[in-house]
Amino acid sequence: MTWPKIAVAVCMVVFLAGSSFAWDAKNRPPLAKNRNPEAAMWLSIAHPGLGEWYNAGWGGWGNCNQRTFWMGLIPGYGWPGYLQVKSAINAKRNGTW
């Protein structure tokens, strides 16, 4: 991979992460009906934030907990780590975030 491609990829990740934090956290998405709490737990074990997104009914990025999702990429804290366990417990309790 060449340096210009790497620079573009890094800029895209920084832009997406920055724009995702701008979403208003006061508008918590409602819990979708007929959601399996164990499936949500396993999704959060796969990657922090996915279980809560599943509980919110998937949909667009507005239903995803951006901070949990992006911080889940931090090795040792997000996956595998503390945030993964915290997200799985929250998803099991039918939390959206």
N, C-alpha and C. Protein backbone atom coordinates (compact mmCIF):
# COMPACT_ATOMS: atom_id res chain seq x y z
N MET A 1 0.85 -1.17 0.00
CA MET A 1 0.00 0.00 0.00
C MET A 1 0.89 1.24 0.00
N THR A 2 0.57 2.20 -0.84
CA THR A 2 1.41 3.39 -0.95
C THR A 2 1.02 4.42 0.11
N TRP A 3 1.92 5.38 0.34
CA TRP A 3 1.69 6.40 1.36
C TRP A 3 0.46 7.24 1.09
N PRO A 4 0.17 7.66 -0.14
CA PRO A 4 -1.05 8.44 -0.36
C PRO A 4 -2.33 7.66 0.01
N LYS A 5 -2.34 6.36 -0.27
CA LYS A 5 -3.51 5.56 0.09
C LYS A 5 -3.65 5.44 1.60
N ILE A 6 -2.53 5.29 2.28
CA ILE A 6 -2.56 5.21 3.74
C ILE A 6 -3.04 6.53 4.33
N ALA A 7 -2.56 7.65 3.78
CA ALA A 7 -2.97 8.97 4.27
C ALA A 7 -4.47 9.18 4.08
N VAL A 8 -5.00 8.78 2.94
CA VAL A 8 -6.43 8.91 2.68
C VAL A 8 -7.23 8.05 3.65
N ALA A 9 -6.77 6.82 3.88
CA ALA A 9 -7.47 5.93 4.81
C ALA A 9 -7.48 6.50 6.22
N VAL A 10 -6.34 7.03 6.68
CA VAL A 10 -6.26 7.61 8.01
C VAL A 10 -7.17 8.83 8.12
N CYS A 11 -7.18 9.67 7.11
CA CYS A 11 -8.05 10.86 7.11
C CYS A 11 -9.52 10.47 7.15
N MET A 12 -9.89 9.43 6.44
CA MET A 12 -11.28 8.98 6.45
C MET A 12 -11.68 8.46 7.82
N VAL A 13 -10.81 7.70 8.46
CA VAL A 13 -11.11 7.18 9.80
C VAL A 13 -11.25 8.33 10.79
N VAL A 14 -10.35 9.31 10.74
CA VAL A 14 -10.41 10.45 11.65
C VAL A 14 -11.67 11.26 11.40
N PHE A 15 -12.03 11.47 10.15
CA PHE A 15 -13.24 12.22 9.83
C PHE A 15 -14.49 11.50 10.32
N LEU A 16 -14.58 10.20 10.07
CA LEU A 16 -15.75 9.44 10.50
C LEU A 16 -15.86 9.39 12.02
N ALA A 17 -14.76 9.21 12.70
CA ALA A 17 -14.79 9.17 14.16
C ALA A 17 -15.18 10.54 14.72
N GLY A 18 -14.64 11.60 14.16
CA GLY A 18 -14.99 12.94 14.63
C GLY A 18 -16.43 13.31 14.37
N SER A 19 -16.93 12.95 13.21
CA SER A 19 -18.32 13.28 12.89
C SER A 19 -19.29 12.43 13.70
N SER A 20 -18.89 11.23 14.06
CA SER A 20 -19.79 10.38 14.84
C SER A 20 -19.94 10.89 16.27
N PHE A 21 -18.92 11.53 16.84
CA PHE A 21 -19.01 12.07 18.19
C PHE A 21 -19.90 13.31 18.23
N ALA A 22 -20.17 13.90 17.08
CA ALA A 22 -20.97 15.11 17.05
C ALA A 22 -22.46 14.83 17.22
N TRP A 23 -22.86 13.58 17.12
CA TRP A 23 -24.28 13.25 17.26
C TRP A 23 -24.74 13.51 18.67
N ASP A 24 -25.92 14.06 18.83
CA ASP A 24 -26.43 14.44 20.15
C ASP A 24 -26.76 13.22 20.99
N ALA A 25 -26.05 13.03 22.09
CA ALA A 25 -26.23 11.85 22.93
C ALA A 25 -27.50 11.91 23.77
N LYS A 26 -28.19 13.03 23.80
CA LYS A 26 -29.42 13.14 24.57
C LYS A 26 -30.56 12.37 23.93
N ASN A 27 -30.50 12.13 22.65
CA ASN A 27 -31.56 11.44 21.93
C ASN A 27 -31.28 9.94 21.88
N ARG A 28 -31.43 9.28 23.00
CA ARG A 28 -31.17 7.85 23.09
C ARG A 28 -32.24 7.10 22.30
N PRO A 29 -31.84 6.16 21.43
CA PRO A 29 -32.84 5.44 20.65
C PRO A 29 -33.66 4.49 21.52
N PRO A 30 -34.94 4.31 21.19
CA PRO A 30 -35.77 3.41 21.99
C PRO A 30 -35.41 1.95 21.73
N LEU A 31 -35.78 1.09 22.66
CA LEU A 31 -35.54 -0.34 22.53
C LEU A 31 -36.48 -0.91 21.47
N ALA A 32 -35.94 -1.62 20.51
CA ALA A 32 -36.77 -2.26 19.48
C ALA A 32 -37.48 -3.47 20.08
N LYS A 33 -38.63 -3.79 19.54
CA LYS A 33 -39.41 -4.93 20.05
C LYS A 33 -38.83 -6.25 19.57
N ASN A 34 -39.09 -7.29 20.33
CA ASN A 34 -38.70 -8.67 19.98
C ASN A 34 -37.20 -8.82 19.79
N ARG A 35 -36.41 -8.29 20.70
CA ARG A 35 -34.96 -8.44 20.63
C ARG A 35 -34.50 -9.48 21.64
N ASN A 36 -33.64 -10.37 21.21
CA ASN A 36 -33.12 -11.42 22.06
C ASN A 36 -31.93 -10.88 22.86
N PRO A 37 -32.03 -10.83 24.21
CA PRO A 37 -30.92 -10.27 24.99
C PRO A 37 -29.63 -11.08 24.89
N GLU A 38 -29.73 -12.39 24.69
CA GLU A 38 -28.51 -13.18 24.55
C GLU A 38 -27.81 -12.91 23.22
N ALA A 39 -28.59 -12.70 22.16
CA ALA A 39 -27.98 -12.35 20.87
C ALA A 39 -27.27 -11.01 20.97
N ALA A 40 -27.90 -10.05 21.67
CA ALA A 40 -27.28 -8.74 21.86
C ALA A 40 -25.99 -8.86 22.66
N MET A 41 -26.00 -9.73 23.67
CA MET A 41 -24.80 -9.93 24.48
C MET A 41 -23.65 -10.47 23.62
N TRP A 42 -23.94 -11.48 22.80
CA TRP A 42 -22.89 -12.06 21.95
C TRP A 42 -22.39 -11.09 20.90
N LEU A 43 -23.26 -10.24 20.38
CA LEU A 43 -22.82 -9.22 19.43
C LEU A 43 -21.86 -8.24 20.12
N SER A 44 -22.14 -7.89 21.37
CA SER A 44 -21.25 -6.99 22.10
C SER A 44 -19.93 -7.65 22.45
N ILE A 45 -19.96 -8.96 22.61
CA ILE A 45 -18.70 -9.68 22.84
C ILE A 45 -17.87 -9.67 21.56
N ALA A 46 -18.53 -9.77 20.41
CA ALA A 46 -17.81 -9.72 19.13
C ALA A 46 -17.16 -8.36 18.93
N HIS A 47 -17.90 -7.28 19.25
CA HIS A 47 -17.35 -5.93 19.16
C HIS A 47 -18.20 -5.01 20.03
N PRO A 48 -17.61 -4.24 20.94
CA PRO A 48 -18.39 -3.36 21.81
C PRO A 48 -19.26 -2.39 21.01
N GLY A 49 -20.51 -2.29 21.43
CA GLY A 49 -21.45 -1.38 20.78
C GLY A 49 -22.41 -2.06 19.85
N LEU A 50 -22.06 -3.22 19.31
CA LEU A 50 -22.94 -3.89 18.36
C LEU A 50 -24.22 -4.40 19.03
N GLY A 51 -24.13 -4.89 20.27
CA GLY A 51 -25.31 -5.38 20.96
C GLY A 51 -26.31 -4.28 21.26
N GLU A 52 -25.81 -3.11 21.66
CA GLU A 52 -26.70 -1.99 21.91
C GLU A 52 -27.35 -1.51 20.61
N TRP A 53 -26.58 -1.55 19.53
CA TRP A 53 -27.11 -1.16 18.21
C TRP A 53 -28.20 -2.15 17.79
N TYR A 54 -27.99 -3.42 18.04
CA TYR A 54 -29.00 -4.45 17.76
C TYR A 54 -30.26 -4.19 18.57
N ASN A 55 -30.10 -3.86 19.87
CA ASN A 55 -31.25 -3.58 20.73
C ASN A 55 -32.03 -2.35 20.26
N ALA A 56 -31.34 -1.41 19.62
CA ALA A 56 -32.01 -0.20 19.12
C ALA A 56 -32.67 -0.44 17.77
N GLY A 57 -32.56 -1.64 17.22
CA GLY A 57 -33.20 -1.95 15.95
C GLY A 57 -32.33 -1.70 14.73
N TRP A 58 -31.01 -1.78 14.91
CA TRP A 58 -30.03 -1.51 13.87
C TRP A 58 -30.29 -0.14 13.28
N GLY A 59 -30.72 -0.04 12.04
CA GLY A 59 -30.95 1.27 11.43
C GLY A 59 -29.64 1.97 11.09
N GLY A 60 -29.70 3.29 11.02
CA GLY A 60 -28.53 4.08 10.65
C GLY A 60 -27.59 4.29 11.81
N TRP A 61 -26.56 5.14 11.56
CA TRP A 61 -25.56 5.42 12.58
C TRP A 61 -26.15 6.10 13.79
N GLY A 62 -27.33 6.71 13.64
CA GLY A 62 -27.98 7.38 14.77
C GLY A 62 -28.38 6.43 15.87
N ASN A 63 -28.59 5.17 15.55
CA ASN A 63 -28.96 4.18 16.55
C ASN A 63 -27.76 3.51 17.19
N CYS A 64 -26.58 3.76 16.66
CA CYS A 64 -25.37 3.13 17.18
C CYS A 64 -24.70 4.04 18.20
N ASN A 65 -24.25 3.45 19.30
CA ASN A 65 -23.49 4.20 20.29
C ASN A 65 -22.09 4.42 19.73
N GLN A 66 -21.86 5.60 19.22
CA GLN A 66 -20.61 5.90 18.51
C GLN A 66 -19.38 5.77 19.39
N ARG A 67 -19.46 6.27 20.60
CA ARG A 67 -18.28 6.23 21.47
C ARG A 67 -17.88 4.80 21.78
N THR A 68 -18.87 3.97 22.13
CA THR A 68 -18.56 2.58 22.44
C THR A 68 -18.01 1.87 21.22
N PHE A 69 -18.62 2.10 20.06
CA PHE A 69 -18.19 1.42 18.84
C PHE A 69 -16.75 1.78 18.48
N TRP A 70 -16.42 3.07 18.45
CA TRP A 70 -15.08 3.48 18.03
C TRP A 70 -14.03 3.20 19.11
N MET A 71 -14.41 3.34 20.39
CA MET A 71 -13.45 3.03 21.44
C MET A 71 -13.22 1.52 21.55
N GLY A 72 -14.13 0.74 20.96
CA GLY A 72 -13.95 -0.70 20.93
C GLY A 72 -12.78 -1.13 20.07
N LEU A 73 -12.24 -0.23 19.28
CA LEU A 73 -11.08 -0.54 18.43
C LEU A 73 -9.76 -0.39 19.18
N ILE A 74 -9.79 0.15 20.40
CA ILE A 74 -8.57 0.35 21.18
C ILE A 74 -8.15 -0.99 21.80
N PRO A 75 -7.00 -1.52 21.45
CA PRO A 75 -6.57 -2.81 22.01
C PRO A 75 -6.39 -2.74 23.52
N GLY A 76 -6.88 -3.76 24.21
CA GLY A 76 -6.74 -3.84 25.65
C GLY A 76 -7.82 -3.13 26.43
N TYR A 77 -8.40 -2.09 25.87
CA TYR A 77 -9.50 -1.37 26.53
C TYR A 77 -10.83 -1.73 25.88
N GLY A 78 -10.85 -1.65 24.56
CA GLY A 78 -12.08 -1.93 23.84
C GLY A 78 -12.28 -3.39 23.56
N TRP A 79 -11.36 -3.95 22.81
CA TRP A 79 -11.47 -5.37 22.47
C TRP A 79 -10.09 -5.99 22.42
N PRO A 80 -9.77 -7.02 23.11
CA PRO A 80 -10.52 -7.54 24.25
C PRO A 80 -10.22 -6.68 25.46
N GLY A 81 -11.22 -6.47 26.28
CA GLY A 81 -10.98 -5.66 27.46
C GLY A 81 -12.23 -5.24 28.18
N TYR A 82 -12.05 -4.21 28.98
CA TYR A 82 -13.07 -3.71 29.89
C TYR A 82 -14.35 -3.31 29.15
N LEU A 83 -14.20 -2.54 28.08
CA LEU A 83 -15.36 -2.03 27.36
C LEU A 83 -16.18 -3.16 26.74
N GLN A 84 -15.53 -4.20 26.32
CA GLN A 84 -16.22 -5.37 25.76
C GLN A 84 -17.14 -5.99 26.81
N VAL A 85 -16.66 -6.17 28.02
CA VAL A 85 -17.45 -6.76 29.10
C VAL A 85 -18.58 -5.82 29.50
N LYS A 86 -18.29 -4.54 29.63
CA LYS A 86 -19.31 -3.56 30.01
C LYS A 86 -20.41 -3.48 28.95
N SER A 87 -20.05 -3.50 27.70
CA SER A 87 -21.02 -3.46 26.61
C SER A 87 -21.88 -4.72 26.59
N ALA A 88 -21.28 -5.88 26.84
CA ALA A 88 -22.04 -7.14 26.85
C ALA A 88 -23.05 -7.16 27.99
N ILE A 89 -22.66 -6.66 29.16
CA ILE A 89 -23.59 -6.61 30.29
C ILE A 89 -24.73 -5.65 29.99
N ASN A 90 -24.43 -4.49 29.44
CA ASN A 90 -25.47 -3.52 29.10
C ASN A 90 -26.43 -4.08 28.05
N ALA A 91 -25.91 -4.76 27.04
CA ALA A 91 -26.76 -5.33 25.99
C ALA A 91 -27.64 -6.44 26.55
N LYS A 92 -27.10 -7.24 27.45
CA LYS A 92 -27.87 -8.32 28.07
C LYS A 92 -29.04 -7.76 28.87
N ARG A 93 -28.86 -6.59 29.45
CA ARG A 93 -29.92 -5.93 30.22
C ARG A 93 -30.84 -5.09 29.34
N ASN A 94 -30.80 -5.33 28.03
CA ASN A 94 -31.64 -4.64 27.04
C ASN A 94 -31.35 -3.15 26.95
N GLY A 95 -30.11 -2.76 27.19
CA GLY A 95 -29.73 -1.36 27.05
C GLY A 95 -29.49 -1.02 25.59
N THR A 96 -29.81 0.22 25.23
CA THR A 96 -29.47 0.68 23.89
C THR A 96 -28.19 1.48 23.94
N TRP A 97 -27.93 2.19 25.00
CA TRP A 97 -26.71 2.86 25.38
C TRP A 97 -27.05 3.95 26.30
